[in-house]
Amino acid sequence: MPATGDIRVRQVTEPEADRLMTFLLEHYYREEPLTAGTSPPEPTADDKEFLLSNIPYGTCFLAEEDQGNGSRIVGAVVAGPKDAGGPELMRREAALHAGSKWGRILDVLSAVETGSDVCRRFNVPSSLHVHALGVNRELRGKALGSRLMEAVAQEAREQGHPIVSVDCTSVYSARLMQRLNYELVHTLRYADHLDASGQQVVTPPPPHESVQTFVLRL
């Protein structure tokens, strides 16, 4: 049996969807720049449903701390596969949800997807794409984010994805990817992405200024 305080990283199972979302609401969404930078600040049902839809792929992981009589989630990463059809799919989804908070977020992500286009850029059939990464505030600085990203990379290898990609909406996640030797391939400044009336689509709180797309070649 693991000692109290030991932390292991493992795949998320489908029955754990509610438990995973409870963790993400506390330790991911509150600080996520696209969510915080679009009114109202709470995530939408469509947003949460999309993240949870990735669990069946076997590409989502949690860091779990043993507490003797149980365990608690202290970190989580949500990832899912995408292919060269990603930019067109994102454009359609953004148009479908236009006028809503989720639609504004998708509008930004659609621009990022079009600009980065990682599958065509690297001439690969698919990528394992990281959508969300959260770590309990009490345990940051203990390499849990790195361990979760390593689990994603290993799963990508096992499933045959040639690359792992991630759109870092936060300066902190971007710094992590740089430490993990991911390659920066595209940057979209929030101040440069405007709607038809010339207004900034998403206005995150400082210090977040851009979405940076990083890729790890496996």
N, C-alpha and C. Protein backbone atom coordinates (compact mmCIF):
# COMPACT_ATOMS: atom_id res chain seq x y z
N MET A 1 0.85 -1.20 0.00
CA MET A 1 0.00 0.00 0.00
C MET A 1 0.88 1.25 0.00
N PRO A 2 0.49 2.30 -0.76
CA PRO A 2 1.29 3.52 -0.75
C PRO A 2 1.19 4.22 0.60
N ALA A 3 2.26 4.91 0.99
CA ALA A 3 2.25 5.65 2.24
C ALA A 3 1.39 6.89 2.10
N THR A 4 0.84 7.37 3.22
CA THR A 4 0.05 8.59 3.20
C THR A 4 0.89 9.73 2.63
N GLY A 5 0.32 10.47 1.69
CA GLY A 5 1.04 11.56 1.06
C GLY A 5 1.67 11.18 -0.27
N ASP A 6 1.76 9.86 -0.57
CA ASP A 6 2.28 9.45 -1.87
C ASP A 6 1.33 9.89 -2.97
N ILE A 7 1.90 10.26 -4.10
CA ILE A 7 1.09 10.72 -5.24
C ILE A 7 1.38 9.86 -6.45
N ARG A 8 0.34 9.33 -7.05
CA ARG A 8 0.50 8.53 -8.26
C ARG A 8 -0.28 9.18 -9.38
N VAL A 9 0.16 8.93 -10.60
CA VAL A 9 -0.52 9.43 -11.80
C VAL A 9 -1.14 8.25 -12.51
N ARG A 10 -2.42 8.37 -12.86
CA ARG A 10 -3.12 7.27 -13.54
C ARG A 10 -4.19 7.82 -14.47
N GLN A 11 -4.68 6.96 -15.35
CA GLN A 11 -5.75 7.34 -16.27
C GLN A 11 -7.05 7.61 -15.52
N VAL A 12 -7.81 8.53 -16.05
CA VAL A 12 -9.16 8.79 -15.54
C VAL A 12 -10.11 7.78 -16.16
N THR A 13 -11.01 7.23 -15.37
CA THR A 13 -12.03 6.33 -15.89
C THR A 13 -13.36 7.08 -16.06
N GLU A 14 -14.22 6.57 -16.91
CA GLU A 14 -15.47 7.26 -17.21
C GLU A 14 -16.36 7.48 -15.97
N PRO A 15 -16.44 6.53 -15.03
CA PRO A 15 -17.26 6.79 -13.84
C PRO A 15 -16.73 7.93 -12.96
N GLU A 16 -15.49 8.38 -13.21
CA GLU A 16 -14.91 9.45 -12.41
C GLU A 16 -15.12 10.84 -13.00
N ALA A 17 -15.98 10.95 -14.00
CA ALA A 17 -16.17 12.22 -14.70
C ALA A 17 -16.57 13.34 -13.75
N ASP A 18 -17.53 13.09 -12.88
CA ASP A 18 -17.99 14.14 -11.95
C ASP A 18 -16.89 14.53 -10.98
N ARG A 19 -16.14 13.56 -10.51
CA ARG A 19 -15.04 13.84 -9.57
C ARG A 19 -13.96 14.67 -10.27
N LEU A 20 -13.66 14.34 -11.51
CA LEU A 20 -12.68 15.11 -12.28
C LEU A 20 -13.16 16.54 -12.47
N MET A 21 -14.42 16.72 -12.84
CA MET A 21 -14.93 18.07 -13.08
C MET A 21 -14.94 18.89 -11.80
N THR A 22 -15.25 18.29 -10.68
CA THR A 22 -15.21 19.02 -9.42
C THR A 22 -13.81 19.58 -9.17
N PHE A 23 -12.80 18.78 -9.47
CA PHE A 23 -11.42 19.25 -9.30
C PHE A 23 -11.11 20.38 -10.29
N LEU A 24 -11.50 20.21 -11.55
CA LEU A 24 -11.19 21.22 -12.56
C LEU A 24 -11.88 22.56 -12.26
N LEU A 25 -13.09 22.50 -11.73
CA LEU A 25 -13.79 23.73 -11.38
C LEU A 25 -13.04 24.54 -10.33
N GLU A 26 -12.36 23.85 -9.43
CA GLU A 26 -11.63 24.53 -8.36
C GLU A 26 -10.20 24.91 -8.76
N HIS A 27 -9.54 24.04 -9.51
CA HIS A 27 -8.10 24.22 -9.73
C HIS A 27 -7.70 24.45 -11.19
N TYR A 28 -8.68 24.57 -12.08
CA TYR A 28 -8.36 24.89 -13.48
C TYR A 28 -9.18 26.09 -13.95
N TYR A 29 -10.49 25.96 -13.93
CA TYR A 29 -11.34 26.99 -14.53
C TYR A 29 -11.22 28.36 -13.86
N ARG A 30 -10.99 28.39 -12.57
CA ARG A 30 -10.94 29.69 -11.87
C ARG A 30 -9.82 30.59 -12.39
N GLU A 31 -8.75 29.96 -12.90
CA GLU A 31 -7.59 30.73 -13.35
C GLU A 31 -7.40 30.65 -14.87
N GLU A 32 -8.21 29.88 -15.57
CA GLU A 32 -8.01 29.69 -17.01
C GLU A 32 -8.32 31.01 -17.73
N PRO A 33 -7.38 31.59 -18.47
CA PRO A 33 -7.56 32.93 -19.04
C PRO A 33 -8.76 33.08 -19.98
N LEU A 34 -9.05 32.08 -20.81
CA LEU A 34 -10.19 32.21 -21.71
C LEU A 34 -11.50 32.24 -20.93
N THR A 35 -11.58 31.43 -19.89
CA THR A 35 -12.80 31.40 -19.06
C THR A 35 -12.92 32.68 -18.25
N ALA A 36 -11.83 33.06 -17.58
CA ALA A 36 -11.85 34.26 -16.73
C ALA A 36 -11.98 35.54 -17.54
N GLY A 37 -11.56 35.50 -18.80
CA GLY A 37 -11.57 36.69 -19.63
C GLY A 37 -12.81 36.89 -20.47
N THR A 38 -13.84 36.08 -20.23
CA THR A 38 -15.09 36.17 -20.97
C THR A 38 -16.25 36.17 -19.98
N SER A 39 -17.13 37.14 -20.08
CA SER A 39 -18.25 37.25 -19.14
C SER A 39 -19.39 36.31 -19.53
N PRO A 40 -20.04 35.67 -18.53
CA PRO A 40 -19.71 35.64 -17.11
C PRO A 40 -18.50 34.74 -16.85
N PRO A 41 -17.84 34.85 -15.69
CA PRO A 41 -16.59 34.14 -15.47
C PRO A 41 -16.71 32.63 -15.30
N GLU A 42 -17.94 32.14 -15.06
CA GLU A 42 -18.12 30.70 -14.86
C GLU A 42 -18.07 29.96 -16.20
N PRO A 43 -17.54 28.73 -16.22
CA PRO A 43 -17.55 27.93 -17.45
C PRO A 43 -18.96 27.51 -17.83
N THR A 44 -19.20 27.34 -19.11
CA THR A 44 -20.51 26.94 -19.59
C THR A 44 -20.66 25.42 -19.58
N ALA A 45 -21.89 24.97 -19.70
CA ALA A 45 -22.15 23.53 -19.75
C ALA A 45 -21.49 22.91 -20.98
N ASP A 46 -21.50 23.62 -22.13
CA ASP A 46 -20.86 23.10 -23.34
C ASP A 46 -19.36 22.91 -23.15
N ASP A 47 -18.75 23.87 -22.48
CA ASP A 47 -17.32 23.81 -22.20
C ASP A 47 -17.01 22.56 -21.36
N LYS A 48 -17.72 22.39 -20.27
CA LYS A 48 -17.47 21.25 -19.37
C LYS A 48 -17.76 19.93 -20.08
N GLU A 49 -18.83 19.90 -20.87
CA GLU A 49 -19.18 18.68 -21.60
C GLU A 49 -18.06 18.30 -22.58
N PHE A 50 -17.49 19.32 -23.24
CA PHE A 50 -16.41 19.03 -24.18
C PHE A 50 -15.21 18.39 -23.48
N LEU A 51 -14.79 18.96 -22.36
CA LEU A 51 -13.64 18.38 -21.66
C LEU A 51 -13.91 16.93 -21.27
N LEU A 52 -15.06 16.68 -20.69
CA LEU A 52 -15.36 15.33 -20.23
C LEU A 52 -15.51 14.34 -21.38
N SER A 53 -15.82 14.82 -22.58
CA SER A 53 -15.98 13.94 -23.73
C SER A 53 -14.67 13.28 -24.13
N ASN A 54 -13.54 13.76 -23.60
CA ASN A 54 -12.25 13.17 -23.95
C ASN A 54 -11.88 11.97 -23.09
N ILE A 55 -12.59 11.72 -22.00
CA ILE A 55 -12.25 10.63 -21.11
C ILE A 55 -12.25 9.26 -21.81
N PRO A 56 -13.23 8.94 -22.67
CA PRO A 56 -13.25 7.62 -23.29
C PRO A 56 -12.02 7.29 -24.15
N TYR A 57 -11.27 8.30 -24.58
CA TYR A 57 -10.09 8.04 -25.39
C TYR A 57 -8.95 7.43 -24.57
N GLY A 58 -9.05 7.47 -23.25
CA GLY A 58 -7.97 6.95 -22.42
C GLY A 58 -6.77 7.87 -22.37
N THR A 59 -7.00 9.15 -22.65
CA THR A 59 -5.91 10.12 -22.76
C THR A 59 -5.96 11.20 -21.68
N CYS A 60 -6.79 11.01 -20.67
CA CYS A 60 -6.90 11.95 -19.56
C CYS A 60 -6.31 11.30 -18.31
N PHE A 61 -5.58 12.09 -17.53
CA PHE A 61 -4.88 11.54 -16.38
C PHE A 61 -5.09 12.42 -15.16
N LEU A 62 -5.00 11.78 -13.99
CA LEU A 62 -5.06 12.54 -12.74
C LEU A 62 -3.89 12.15 -11.86
N ALA A 63 -3.49 13.10 -11.04
CA ALA A 63 -2.52 12.84 -9.98
C ALA A 63 -3.33 12.70 -8.69
N GLU A 64 -3.14 11.60 -8.01
CA GLU A 64 -3.97 11.26 -6.85
C GLU A 64 -3.08 11.07 -5.63
N GLU A 65 -3.42 11.77 -4.55
CA GLU A 65 -2.65 11.68 -3.30
C GLU A 65 -3.36 10.76 -2.32
N ASP A 66 -2.63 9.77 -1.82
CA ASP A 66 -3.19 8.87 -0.82
C ASP A 66 -3.30 9.59 0.52
N GLN A 67 -4.43 9.38 1.19
CA GLN A 67 -4.66 10.02 2.50
C GLN A 67 -4.99 9.00 3.58
N GLY A 68 -4.52 7.78 3.40
CA GLY A 68 -4.74 6.76 4.41
C GLY A 68 -6.10 6.11 4.30
N ASN A 69 -7.15 6.88 4.55
CA ASN A 69 -8.51 6.34 4.47
C ASN A 69 -9.20 6.72 3.16
N GLY A 70 -8.44 7.15 2.21
CA GLY A 70 -8.99 7.54 0.92
C GLY A 70 -7.95 8.27 0.09
N SER A 71 -8.39 9.01 -0.89
CA SER A 71 -7.47 9.75 -1.74
C SER A 71 -8.14 11.02 -2.24
N ARG A 72 -7.31 11.94 -2.72
CA ARG A 72 -7.86 13.15 -3.31
C ARG A 72 -7.09 13.45 -4.60
N ILE A 73 -7.78 14.05 -5.56
CA ILE A 73 -7.14 14.47 -6.80
C ILE A 73 -6.36 15.75 -6.51
N VAL A 74 -5.10 15.78 -6.92
CA VAL A 74 -4.28 16.98 -6.73
C VAL A 74 -3.76 17.54 -8.05
N GLY A 75 -4.08 16.87 -9.15
CA GLY A 75 -3.69 17.36 -10.46
C GLY A 75 -4.45 16.59 -11.53
N ALA A 76 -4.66 17.22 -12.68
CA ALA A 76 -5.38 16.54 -13.76
C ALA A 76 -5.01 17.16 -15.10
N VAL A 77 -5.00 16.33 -16.12
CA VAL A 77 -4.79 16.80 -17.49
C VAL A 77 -5.84 16.14 -18.38
N VAL A 78 -6.42 16.93 -19.26
CA VAL A 78 -7.42 16.46 -20.22
C VAL A 78 -6.83 16.60 -21.61
N ALA A 79 -6.79 15.50 -22.35
CA ALA A 79 -6.25 15.51 -23.71
C ALA A 79 -7.10 14.62 -24.61
N GLY A 80 -7.03 14.88 -25.91
CA GLY A 80 -7.78 14.08 -26.87
C GLY A 80 -7.14 14.18 -28.24
N PRO A 81 -7.45 13.23 -29.11
CA PRO A 81 -6.85 13.22 -30.45
C PRO A 81 -7.48 14.25 -31.38
N LYS A 82 -6.68 14.73 -32.32
CA LYS A 82 -7.21 15.56 -33.40
C LYS A 82 -6.40 15.27 -34.65
N ASP A 83 -6.98 15.63 -35.82
CA ASP A 83 -6.30 15.37 -37.08
C ASP A 83 -6.30 16.63 -37.93
N ALA A 84 -5.97 16.49 -39.21
CA ALA A 84 -5.85 17.66 -40.08
C ALA A 84 -7.17 18.38 -40.30
N GLY A 85 -8.27 17.75 -39.94
CA GLY A 85 -9.56 18.41 -40.07
C GLY A 85 -9.88 19.34 -38.92
N GLY A 86 -8.95 19.48 -37.97
CA GLY A 86 -9.18 20.29 -36.79
C GLY A 86 -9.57 21.73 -37.06
N PRO A 87 -8.84 22.45 -37.94
CA PRO A 87 -9.21 23.85 -38.19
C PRO A 87 -10.64 24.03 -38.71
N GLU A 88 -11.05 23.18 -39.65
CA GLU A 88 -12.40 23.30 -40.20
C GLU A 88 -13.46 22.93 -39.16
N LEU A 89 -13.18 21.90 -38.39
CA LEU A 89 -14.11 21.51 -37.33
C LEU A 89 -14.27 22.64 -36.33
N MET A 90 -13.18 23.29 -35.96
CA MET A 90 -13.24 24.37 -34.98
C MET A 90 -14.01 25.57 -35.53
N ARG A 91 -13.83 25.86 -36.82
CA ARG A 91 -14.59 26.96 -37.44
C ARG A 91 -16.08 26.69 -37.39
N ARG A 92 -16.48 25.46 -37.68
CA ARG A 92 -17.90 25.11 -37.65
C ARG A 92 -18.46 25.21 -36.24
N GLU A 93 -17.71 24.73 -35.25
CA GLU A 93 -18.18 24.78 -33.87
C GLU A 93 -18.30 26.22 -33.38
N ALA A 94 -17.34 27.06 -33.77
CA ALA A 94 -17.39 28.47 -33.36
C ALA A 94 -18.62 29.15 -33.95
N ALA A 95 -18.93 28.84 -35.22
CA ALA A 95 -20.10 29.42 -35.88
C ALA A 95 -21.39 28.91 -35.24
N LEU A 96 -21.40 27.64 -34.87
CA LEU A 96 -22.59 27.03 -34.27
C LEU A 96 -22.94 27.68 -32.94
N HIS A 97 -21.91 28.07 -32.18
CA HIS A 97 -22.13 28.62 -30.84
C HIS A 97 -21.95 30.14 -30.79
N ALA A 98 -21.96 30.79 -31.95
CA ALA A 98 -21.75 32.24 -32.01
C ALA A 98 -22.75 32.97 -31.13
N GLY A 99 -22.27 34.00 -30.43
CA GLY A 99 -23.13 34.80 -29.57
C GLY A 99 -23.14 34.38 -28.12
N SER A 100 -22.54 33.23 -27.83
CA SER A 100 -22.48 32.74 -26.44
C SER A 100 -21.06 32.87 -25.91
N LYS A 101 -20.92 32.70 -24.60
CA LYS A 101 -19.58 32.69 -24.00
C LYS A 101 -18.72 31.59 -24.61
N TRP A 102 -19.26 30.38 -24.73
CA TRP A 102 -18.52 29.27 -25.33
C TRP A 102 -18.15 29.59 -26.77
N GLY A 103 -19.04 30.27 -27.48
CA GLY A 103 -18.76 30.65 -28.86
C GLY A 103 -17.60 31.63 -28.97
N ARG A 104 -17.50 32.56 -28.02
CA ARG A 104 -16.39 33.51 -28.04
C ARG A 104 -15.07 32.80 -27.75
N ILE A 105 -15.09 31.86 -26.84
CA ILE A 105 -13.89 31.08 -26.57
C ILE A 105 -13.49 30.27 -27.79
N LEU A 106 -14.48 29.64 -28.43
CA LEU A 106 -14.20 28.86 -29.63
C LEU A 106 -13.71 29.74 -30.77
N ASP A 107 -14.17 30.98 -30.82
CA ASP A 107 -13.71 31.90 -31.85
C ASP A 107 -12.20 32.12 -31.73
N VAL A 108 -11.73 32.31 -30.50
CA VAL A 108 -10.29 32.46 -30.26
C VAL A 108 -9.55 31.17 -30.61
N LEU A 109 -10.07 30.05 -30.13
CA LEU A 109 -9.40 28.77 -30.38
C LEU A 109 -9.42 28.41 -31.86
N SER A 110 -10.46 28.83 -32.57
CA SER A 110 -10.50 28.59 -34.02
C SER A 110 -9.37 29.35 -34.73
N ALA A 111 -9.16 30.60 -34.31
CA ALA A 111 -8.06 31.37 -34.89
C ALA A 111 -6.71 30.73 -34.57
N VAL A 112 -6.58 30.23 -33.36
CA VAL A 112 -5.34 29.54 -32.97
C VAL A 112 -5.16 28.28 -33.80
N GLU A 113 -6.23 27.51 -33.95
CA GLU A 113 -6.17 26.26 -34.69
C GLU A 113 -5.79 26.50 -36.15
N THR A 114 -6.37 27.52 -36.74
CA THR A 114 -6.06 27.85 -38.13
C THR A 114 -4.61 28.29 -38.27
N GLY A 115 -4.14 29.09 -37.32
CA GLY A 115 -2.77 29.58 -37.40
C GLY A 115 -1.72 28.54 -37.12
N SER A 116 -2.00 27.63 -36.21
CA SER A 116 -1.01 26.62 -35.85
C SER A 116 -1.07 25.40 -36.77
N ASP A 117 -2.29 24.88 -37.02
CA ASP A 117 -2.52 23.77 -37.96
C ASP A 117 -1.43 22.71 -37.84
N VAL A 118 -1.27 22.16 -36.65
CA VAL A 118 -0.09 21.37 -36.35
C VAL A 118 0.04 20.08 -37.17
N CYS A 119 -1.07 19.45 -37.51
CA CYS A 119 -0.97 18.21 -38.27
C CYS A 119 -0.40 18.47 -39.67
N ARG A 120 -0.88 19.53 -40.32
CA ARG A 120 -0.33 19.86 -41.63
C ARG A 120 1.07 20.44 -41.50
N ARG A 121 1.30 21.22 -40.48
CA ARG A 121 2.61 21.83 -40.28
C ARG A 121 3.70 20.77 -40.16
N PHE A 122 3.39 19.69 -39.43
CA PHE A 122 4.38 18.63 -39.22
C PHE A 122 4.15 17.42 -40.12
N ASN A 123 3.16 17.53 -40.99
CA ASN A 123 2.86 16.46 -41.95
C ASN A 123 2.65 15.12 -41.23
N VAL A 124 1.74 15.15 -40.25
CA VAL A 124 1.42 13.95 -39.49
C VAL A 124 -0.09 13.72 -39.55
N PRO A 125 -0.53 12.48 -39.38
CA PRO A 125 -1.97 12.19 -39.48
C PRO A 125 -2.77 12.62 -38.26
N SER A 126 -2.10 12.74 -37.11
CA SER A 126 -2.85 13.05 -35.89
C SER A 126 -1.93 13.63 -34.82
N SER A 127 -2.56 14.27 -33.86
CA SER A 127 -1.86 14.78 -32.68
C SER A 127 -2.69 14.43 -31.45
N LEU A 128 -2.02 14.21 -30.34
CA LEU A 128 -2.73 14.13 -29.06
C LEU A 128 -2.66 15.52 -28.46
N HIS A 129 -3.81 16.18 -28.37
CA HIS A 129 -3.86 17.59 -28.01
C HIS A 129 -4.32 17.77 -26.57
N VAL A 130 -3.56 18.55 -25.80
CA VAL A 130 -3.89 18.82 -24.41
C VAL A 130 -4.85 20.00 -24.34
N HIS A 131 -6.00 19.79 -23.71
CA HIS A 131 -7.03 20.82 -23.60
C HIS A 131 -7.03 21.53 -22.26
N ALA A 132 -6.63 20.85 -21.19
CA ALA A 132 -6.68 21.44 -19.85
C ALA A 132 -5.65 20.77 -18.96
N LEU A 133 -5.04 21.59 -18.10
CA LEU A 133 -4.07 21.08 -17.12
C LEU A 133 -4.23 21.89 -15.84
N GLY A 134 -4.48 21.21 -14.75
CA GLY A 134 -4.67 21.89 -13.47
C GLY A 134 -3.96 21.16 -12.35
N VAL A 135 -3.40 21.93 -11.41
CA VAL A 135 -2.72 21.37 -10.25
C VAL A 135 -3.22 22.10 -9.00
N ASN A 136 -3.46 21.35 -7.95
CA ASN A 136 -3.89 21.93 -6.67
C ASN A 136 -2.90 23.02 -6.25
N ARG A 137 -3.41 24.17 -5.87
CA ARG A 137 -2.56 25.30 -5.51
C ARG A 137 -1.59 24.97 -4.37
N GLU A 138 -2.01 24.09 -3.46
CA GLU A 138 -1.17 23.74 -2.31
C GLU A 138 0.07 22.96 -2.72
N LEU A 139 0.03 22.33 -3.91
CA LEU A 139 1.09 21.41 -4.30
C LEU A 139 1.82 21.86 -5.57
N ARG A 140 1.66 23.10 -5.95
CA ARG A 140 2.39 23.58 -7.11
C ARG A 140 3.86 23.71 -6.78
N GLY A 141 4.70 23.53 -7.81
CA GLY A 141 6.14 23.54 -7.60
C GLY A 141 6.72 22.18 -7.28
N LYS A 142 5.90 21.13 -7.33
CA LYS A 142 6.35 19.77 -7.03
C LYS A 142 6.38 18.88 -8.27
N ALA A 143 6.40 19.49 -9.45
CA ALA A 143 6.55 18.78 -10.73
C ALA A 143 5.35 17.92 -11.09
N LEU A 144 4.18 18.17 -10.50
CA LEU A 144 3.00 17.38 -10.86
C LEU A 144 2.57 17.66 -12.30
N GLY A 145 2.67 18.92 -12.74
CA GLY A 145 2.34 19.23 -14.13
C GLY A 145 3.24 18.47 -15.09
N SER A 146 4.51 18.39 -14.77
CA SER A 146 5.46 17.65 -15.62
C SER A 146 5.11 16.17 -15.66
N ARG A 147 4.76 15.61 -14.52
CA ARG A 147 4.40 14.19 -14.49
C ARG A 147 3.14 13.90 -15.30
N LEU A 148 2.18 14.80 -15.23
CA LEU A 148 0.96 14.62 -15.99
C LEU A 148 1.23 14.72 -17.50
N MET A 149 2.07 15.68 -17.88
CA MET A 149 2.40 15.82 -19.30
C MET A 149 3.22 14.62 -19.80
N GLU A 150 4.05 14.07 -18.95
CA GLU A 150 4.81 12.88 -19.33
C GLU A 150 3.87 11.70 -19.56
N ALA A 151 2.82 11.60 -18.75
CA ALA A 151 1.84 10.53 -18.94
C ALA A 151 1.12 10.69 -20.27
N VAL A 152 0.80 11.93 -20.64
CA VAL A 152 0.15 12.18 -21.93
C VAL A 152 1.08 11.78 -23.07
N ALA A 153 2.35 12.16 -22.99
CA ALA A 153 3.30 11.82 -24.04
C ALA A 153 3.46 10.31 -24.20
N GLN A 154 3.51 9.60 -23.07
CA GLN A 154 3.63 8.15 -23.14
C GLN A 154 2.40 7.53 -23.77
N GLU A 155 1.23 8.02 -23.43
CA GLU A 155 0.00 7.50 -24.03
C GLU A 155 -0.05 7.81 -25.51
N ALA A 156 0.42 8.99 -25.89
CA ALA A 156 0.47 9.35 -27.31
C ALA A 156 1.33 8.36 -28.09
N ARG A 157 2.48 8.00 -27.51
CA ARG A 157 3.35 7.02 -28.18
C ARG A 157 2.63 5.68 -28.33
N GLU A 158 1.97 5.26 -27.27
CA GLU A 158 1.30 3.95 -27.29
C GLU A 158 0.15 3.93 -28.29
N GLN A 159 -0.53 5.07 -28.47
CA GLN A 159 -1.65 5.13 -29.41
C GLN A 159 -1.20 5.48 -30.83
N GLY A 160 0.08 5.77 -31.03
CA GLY A 160 0.60 6.02 -32.37
C GLY A 160 0.48 7.45 -32.86
N HIS A 161 0.29 8.41 -31.95
CA HIS A 161 0.27 9.81 -32.36
C HIS A 161 1.71 10.33 -32.46
N PRO A 162 2.09 10.91 -33.58
CA PRO A 162 3.49 11.35 -33.76
C PRO A 162 3.87 12.58 -32.94
N ILE A 163 2.87 13.37 -32.52
CA ILE A 163 3.17 14.59 -31.77
C ILE A 163 2.15 14.79 -30.64
N VAL A 164 2.57 15.57 -29.65
CA VAL A 164 1.66 16.09 -28.62
C VAL A 164 1.61 17.60 -28.82
N SER A 165 0.43 18.18 -28.80
CA SER A 165 0.28 19.62 -28.98
C SER A 165 -0.52 20.21 -27.83
N VAL A 166 -0.29 21.49 -27.57
CA VAL A 166 -1.02 22.17 -26.49
C VAL A 166 -1.09 23.65 -26.79
N ASP A 167 -2.27 24.22 -26.64
CA ASP A 167 -2.46 25.67 -26.78
C ASP A 167 -2.42 26.28 -25.38
N CYS A 168 -1.32 26.94 -25.05
CA CYS A 168 -1.14 27.50 -23.71
C CYS A 168 -1.80 28.87 -23.66
N THR A 169 -2.93 28.96 -22.98
CA THR A 169 -3.63 30.23 -22.84
C THR A 169 -3.05 31.05 -21.70
N SER A 170 -2.21 30.44 -20.89
CA SER A 170 -1.63 31.06 -19.69
C SER A 170 -0.11 31.15 -19.81
N VAL A 171 0.47 32.19 -19.25
CA VAL A 171 1.93 32.30 -19.26
C VAL A 171 2.56 31.19 -18.43
N TYR A 172 1.85 30.69 -17.43
CA TYR A 172 2.42 29.67 -16.56
C TYR A 172 2.50 28.32 -17.26
N SER A 173 1.45 27.96 -17.99
CA SER A 173 1.52 26.71 -18.74
C SER A 173 2.55 26.80 -19.86
N ALA A 174 2.70 27.98 -20.46
CA ALA A 174 3.72 28.16 -21.50
C ALA A 174 5.12 27.95 -20.93
N ARG A 175 5.36 28.45 -19.73
CA ARG A 175 6.67 28.25 -19.10
C ARG A 175 6.94 26.77 -18.84
N LEU A 176 5.90 26.04 -18.45
CA LEU A 176 6.05 24.60 -18.23
C LEU A 176 6.44 23.91 -19.53
N MET A 177 5.77 24.23 -20.62
CA MET A 177 6.09 23.59 -21.89
C MET A 177 7.52 23.90 -22.33
N GLN A 178 7.96 25.09 -22.08
CA GLN A 178 9.34 25.45 -22.41
C GLN A 178 10.32 24.61 -21.60
N ARG A 179 10.02 24.41 -20.31
CA ARG A 179 10.90 23.58 -19.47
C ARG A 179 10.91 22.14 -19.94
N LEU A 180 9.80 21.69 -20.52
CA LEU A 180 9.70 20.30 -21.00
C LEU A 180 10.21 20.16 -22.43
N ASN A 181 10.81 21.22 -22.96
CA ASN A 181 11.41 21.21 -24.31
C ASN A 181 10.40 21.05 -25.43
N TYR A 182 9.19 21.56 -25.22
CA TYR A 182 8.23 21.64 -26.32
C TYR A 182 8.64 22.79 -27.24
N GLU A 183 8.28 22.67 -28.50
CA GLU A 183 8.64 23.66 -29.52
C GLU A 183 7.49 24.66 -29.72
N LEU A 184 7.78 25.93 -29.60
CA LEU A 184 6.78 26.97 -29.85
C LEU A 184 6.58 27.12 -31.35
N VAL A 185 5.33 26.96 -31.82
CA VAL A 185 5.07 27.02 -33.26
C VAL A 185 4.12 28.14 -33.67
N HIS A 186 3.41 28.75 -32.70
CA HIS A 186 2.46 29.79 -33.08
C HIS A 186 2.08 30.61 -31.85
N THR A 187 1.86 31.90 -32.06
CA THR A 187 1.42 32.80 -30.98
C THR A 187 0.29 33.69 -31.49
N LEU A 188 -0.78 33.77 -30.74
CA LEU A 188 -1.88 34.69 -31.02
C LEU A 188 -2.05 35.61 -29.81
N ARG A 189 -1.83 36.91 -30.00
CA ARG A 189 -2.02 37.87 -28.92
C ARG A 189 -3.51 38.15 -28.73
N TYR A 190 -3.96 38.13 -27.48
CA TYR A 190 -5.37 38.40 -27.20
C TYR A 190 -5.78 39.79 -27.74
N ALA A 191 -4.89 40.76 -27.61
CA ALA A 191 -5.21 42.12 -28.04
C ALA A 191 -5.38 42.24 -29.55
N ASP A 192 -4.88 41.27 -30.29
CA ASP A 192 -4.96 41.32 -31.75
C ASP A 192 -6.18 40.60 -32.31
N HIS A 193 -6.88 39.85 -31.46
CA HIS A 193 -8.03 39.08 -31.95
C HIS A 193 -9.31 39.84 -31.62
N LEU A 194 -9.90 40.45 -32.64
CA LEU A 194 -11.05 41.33 -32.46
C LEU A 194 -12.29 40.76 -33.14
N ASP A 195 -13.46 41.17 -32.67
CA ASP A 195 -14.70 40.76 -33.32
C ASP A 195 -15.05 41.73 -34.45
N ALA A 196 -16.22 41.54 -35.06
CA ALA A 196 -16.60 42.35 -36.23
C ALA A 196 -16.74 43.83 -35.90
N SER A 197 -16.99 44.14 -34.61
CA SER A 197 -17.14 45.54 -34.22
C SER A 197 -15.82 46.16 -33.78
N GLY A 198 -14.74 45.38 -33.84
CA GLY A 198 -13.43 45.89 -33.44
C GLY A 198 -13.11 45.74 -31.97
N GLN A 199 -13.96 45.00 -31.24
CA GLN A 199 -13.73 44.79 -29.81
C GLN A 199 -12.92 43.51 -29.59
N GLN A 200 -12.07 43.53 -28.58
CA GLN A 200 -11.29 42.35 -28.22
C GLN A 200 -12.24 41.24 -27.79
N VAL A 201 -12.09 40.05 -28.37
CA VAL A 201 -13.03 38.96 -28.12
C VAL A 201 -12.91 38.44 -26.68
N VAL A 202 -11.68 38.26 -26.21
CA VAL A 202 -11.44 37.78 -24.86
C VAL A 202 -10.40 38.70 -24.21
N THR A 203 -10.66 39.11 -22.97
CA THR A 203 -9.74 40.00 -22.26
C THR A 203 -9.34 39.35 -20.94
N PRO A 204 -8.32 38.50 -20.96
CA PRO A 204 -7.90 37.82 -19.73
C PRO A 204 -7.23 38.78 -18.75
N PRO A 205 -7.20 38.42 -17.49
CA PRO A 205 -6.50 39.24 -16.51
C PRO A 205 -4.99 39.12 -16.71
N PRO A 206 -4.23 40.15 -16.28
CA PRO A 206 -2.76 40.06 -16.34
C PRO A 206 -2.29 38.85 -15.52
N PRO A 207 -1.15 38.24 -15.88
CA PRO A 207 -0.18 38.68 -16.90
C PRO A 207 -0.37 38.00 -18.26
N HIS A 208 -1.55 37.44 -18.51
CA HIS A 208 -1.75 36.63 -19.71
C HIS A 208 -1.99 37.52 -20.93
N GLU A 209 -1.17 37.37 -21.95
CA GLU A 209 -1.23 38.23 -23.13
C GLU A 209 -1.47 37.48 -24.43
N SER A 210 -1.31 36.16 -24.43
CA SER A 210 -1.40 35.44 -25.70
C SER A 210 -1.69 33.96 -25.49
N VAL A 211 -2.09 33.33 -26.60
CA VAL A 211 -2.18 31.87 -26.65
C VAL A 211 -0.97 31.39 -27.44
N GLN A 212 -0.17 30.54 -26.82
CA GLN A 212 1.02 30.02 -27.47
C GLN A 212 0.85 28.52 -27.70
N THR A 213 1.05 28.09 -28.93
CA THR A 213 0.91 26.68 -29.28
C THR A 213 2.29 26.02 -29.28
N PHE A 214 2.38 24.94 -28.53
CA PHE A 214 3.64 24.19 -28.41
C PHE A 214 3.43 22.76 -28.90
N VAL A 215 4.50 22.18 -29.41
CA VAL A 215 4.45 20.81 -29.93
C VAL A 215 5.66 20.02 -29.44
N LEU A 216 5.42 18.78 -29.07
CA LEU A 216 6.49 17.83 -28.76
C LEU A 216 6.47 16.74 -29.80
N ARG A 217 7.58 16.58 -30.51
CA ARG A 217 7.69 15.51 -31.51
C ARG A 217 8.17 14.24 -30.81
N LEU A 218 7.45 13.16 -31.03
CA LEU A 218 7.73 11.91 -30.33
C LEU A 218 8.57 10.97 -31.20
